[in-house]
Every structure is written in C-alpha cells, then in structure tokens.
Protein backbone atom coordinates (compact mmCIF):
# COMPACT_ATOMS: atom_id res chain seq x y z
CA MET A 1 -36.02 -16.47 13.85
CA ALA A 2 -34.34 -13.56 15.59
CA GLU A 3 -34.17 -10.27 13.82
CA GLN A 4 -30.71 -9.21 12.67
CA PRO A 5 -29.33 -6.13 14.40
CA LYS A 6 -29.43 -3.11 12.14
CA GLY A 7 -26.24 -1.38 11.09
CA LEU A 8 -23.98 -4.43 11.40
CA MET A 9 -24.35 -5.68 7.85
CA THR A 10 -21.57 -4.53 5.57
CA HIS A 11 -21.52 -4.70 1.84
CA PRO A 12 -18.81 -6.88 0.35
CA LYS A 13 -15.92 -5.02 -1.22
CA THR A 14 -15.70 -4.81 -4.96
CA ALA A 15 -12.77 -6.49 -6.73
CA ARG A 16 -11.23 -3.05 -7.29
CA GLN A 17 -11.49 -2.14 -3.59
CA VAL A 18 -9.81 -5.39 -2.59
CA ALA A 19 -7.05 -4.86 -5.16
CA ASP A 20 -6.56 -1.27 -3.96
CA ASP A 21 -6.08 -2.59 -0.41
CA ASN A 22 -3.27 -4.94 -1.56
CA PRO A 23 -1.58 -3.34 -4.58
CA ALA A 24 1.39 -5.23 -5.97
CA ASN A 25 2.91 -1.99 -7.21
CA ARG A 26 2.82 -0.17 -3.87
CA PRO A 27 6.24 1.38 -3.24
CA ILE A 28 7.98 -0.12 -0.26
CA GLU A 29 8.97 1.98 2.71
CA TRP A 30 12.60 3.05 2.75
CA GLU A 31 14.95 5.02 4.94
CA PRO A 32 17.72 7.41 3.94
CA ALA A 33 20.22 4.69 4.95
CA ASP A 34 18.73 2.42 2.27
CA ALA A 35 19.26 5.07 -0.42
CA THR A 36 22.79 5.70 0.88
CA ALA A 37 23.59 1.97 0.74
CA LEU A 38 22.31 1.58 -2.84
CA GLN A 39 24.10 4.71 -4.03
CA ALA A 40 27.40 3.57 -2.47
CA LEU A 41 26.95 0.14 -4.06
CA VAL A 42 26.54 1.72 -7.50
CA ARG A 43 29.55 4.01 -6.97
CA GLY A 44 31.68 1.02 -5.96
CA ASP A 45 32.76 2.39 -2.60
CA CYS A 46 30.29 0.55 -0.40
CA PRO A 47 31.55 -0.73 2.97
CA PRO A 48 30.46 -4.28 3.94
CA HIS A 49 27.65 -3.24 6.29
CA LEU A 50 26.08 -1.08 3.57
CA GLN A 51 26.50 -3.85 0.99
CA GLN A 52 24.46 -6.13 3.24
CA ARG A 53 21.83 -3.43 3.78
CA ALA A 54 21.56 -2.81 0.02
CA ILE A 55 21.05 -6.50 -0.77
CA LYS A 56 18.47 -6.91 2.01
CA PHE A 57 16.61 -3.87 0.67
CA ILE A 58 16.65 -5.24 -2.90
CA ILE A 59 15.35 -8.64 -1.75
CA ASN A 60 12.63 -6.92 0.29
CA MET A 61 11.73 -4.63 -2.63
CA CYS A 62 11.28 -7.67 -4.88
CA GLY A 63 8.78 -9.16 -2.45
CA MET A 64 10.69 -12.43 -2.47
CA ARG A 65 9.32 -13.49 0.90
CA ASP A 66 5.80 -12.14 0.30
CA LEU A 67 2.79 -14.01 -0.95
CA SER A 68 2.32 -12.90 -4.55
CA TYR A 69 -1.36 -13.87 -4.77
CA ARG A 70 -3.75 -10.90 -4.80
CA TYR A 71 -7.52 -11.08 -4.42
CA GLY A 72 -10.01 -9.49 -6.74
CA GLY A 73 -10.98 -11.20 -9.99
CA LEU A 74 -9.29 -9.87 -13.13
CA GLU A 75 -7.77 -6.93 -11.25
CA GLY A 76 -6.39 -9.38 -8.71
CA ASP A 77 -4.99 -11.57 -11.50
CA ARG A 78 -3.10 -8.59 -12.92
CA ASP A 79 -1.76 -7.62 -9.51
CA THR A 80 -0.78 -11.23 -8.86
CA ALA A 81 1.12 -11.40 -12.16
CA PHE A 82 2.89 -8.12 -11.35
CA ALA A 83 3.81 -9.32 -7.85
CA GLU A 84 5.03 -12.65 -9.24
CA GLY A 85 7.25 -10.81 -11.74
CA LYS A 86 8.85 -8.83 -8.91
CA ARG A 87 9.25 -12.01 -6.86
CA PHE A 88 10.90 -13.80 -9.80
CA ILE A 89 13.68 -11.19 -9.85
CA GLY A 90 14.25 -11.65 -6.12
CA LEU A 91 14.41 -15.42 -6.52
CA GLN A 92 17.00 -15.11 -9.31
CA ILE A 93 19.16 -12.84 -7.14
CA GLY A 94 18.76 -15.30 -4.26
CA LYS A 95 19.88 -18.20 -6.47
CA LEU A 96 23.05 -16.36 -7.44
CA LEU A 97 23.77 -15.44 -3.81
CA GLU A 98 23.58 -19.12 -2.83
CA ARG A 99 25.48 -20.51 -5.83
CA ARG A 100 28.90 -21.96 -5.03
CA VAL A 101 31.54 -20.56 -7.37
CA LYS A 102 35.21 -21.53 -7.52
CA PRO A 103 37.84 -18.78 -7.18
CA GLY A 104 38.38 -18.77 -10.98
CA GLY A 105 34.69 -18.04 -11.54
CA GLU A 106 33.66 -21.58 -12.50
CA GLN A 107 30.63 -23.26 -10.93
CA GLU A 108 31.28 -26.01 -8.43
C-alpha cells in the first residue's frame, strides 16, 4: 500500500464550525437604495420602481428562494429551524402577492 502524502489530511470540521460557515441569522447584504426603498414604502410616498425594489429585498431577506437546511447536528437543527421561520414569512408574502382579489377586496 502506498504511503499517504503528509500534510494533505485535514481534520473534519466540528458541528459548530459548519454552522458558523452557514449561519441562518447572517444579515443579508444591502445597498443604500434598499434602505431608501423600504423607508419610502413605510412613509407611503414610494414610486413604483422603489416599491418593486422593496418587495424584492424583503423576499430576499426572508430567504424564500434559499435552502433552509443547515448542517451541523443540534446547532444545525437550530439554524435550520431559524432559516425555515424566515422562509415561512417570505412564502406567506409570496402567497398574498399571487392571490387574485376582486376590486371590492373579495377573493376570486
């Protein structure tokens, strides 16, 4: 049997190291235009292009299109549950955005 080259073996990461590499609570990256869009939306004077930016940012922040599973034993389970909670909010917003509503406010 051939001898293994020295220095190439790496130790497996601990569950905590894996969870730290993929935290569910990591803040997402944002730009000043994202903050401007959200602030204008709250004030009620948001032009259409900023309304669209604000909603896209919210959906992205919720991790709706991300895999919520996180590796790492119990730590990974907690991070997965946290990520799934965020994703649930995004899915609920998405449902309302796709719902057909009559002009009087009734569901179709």
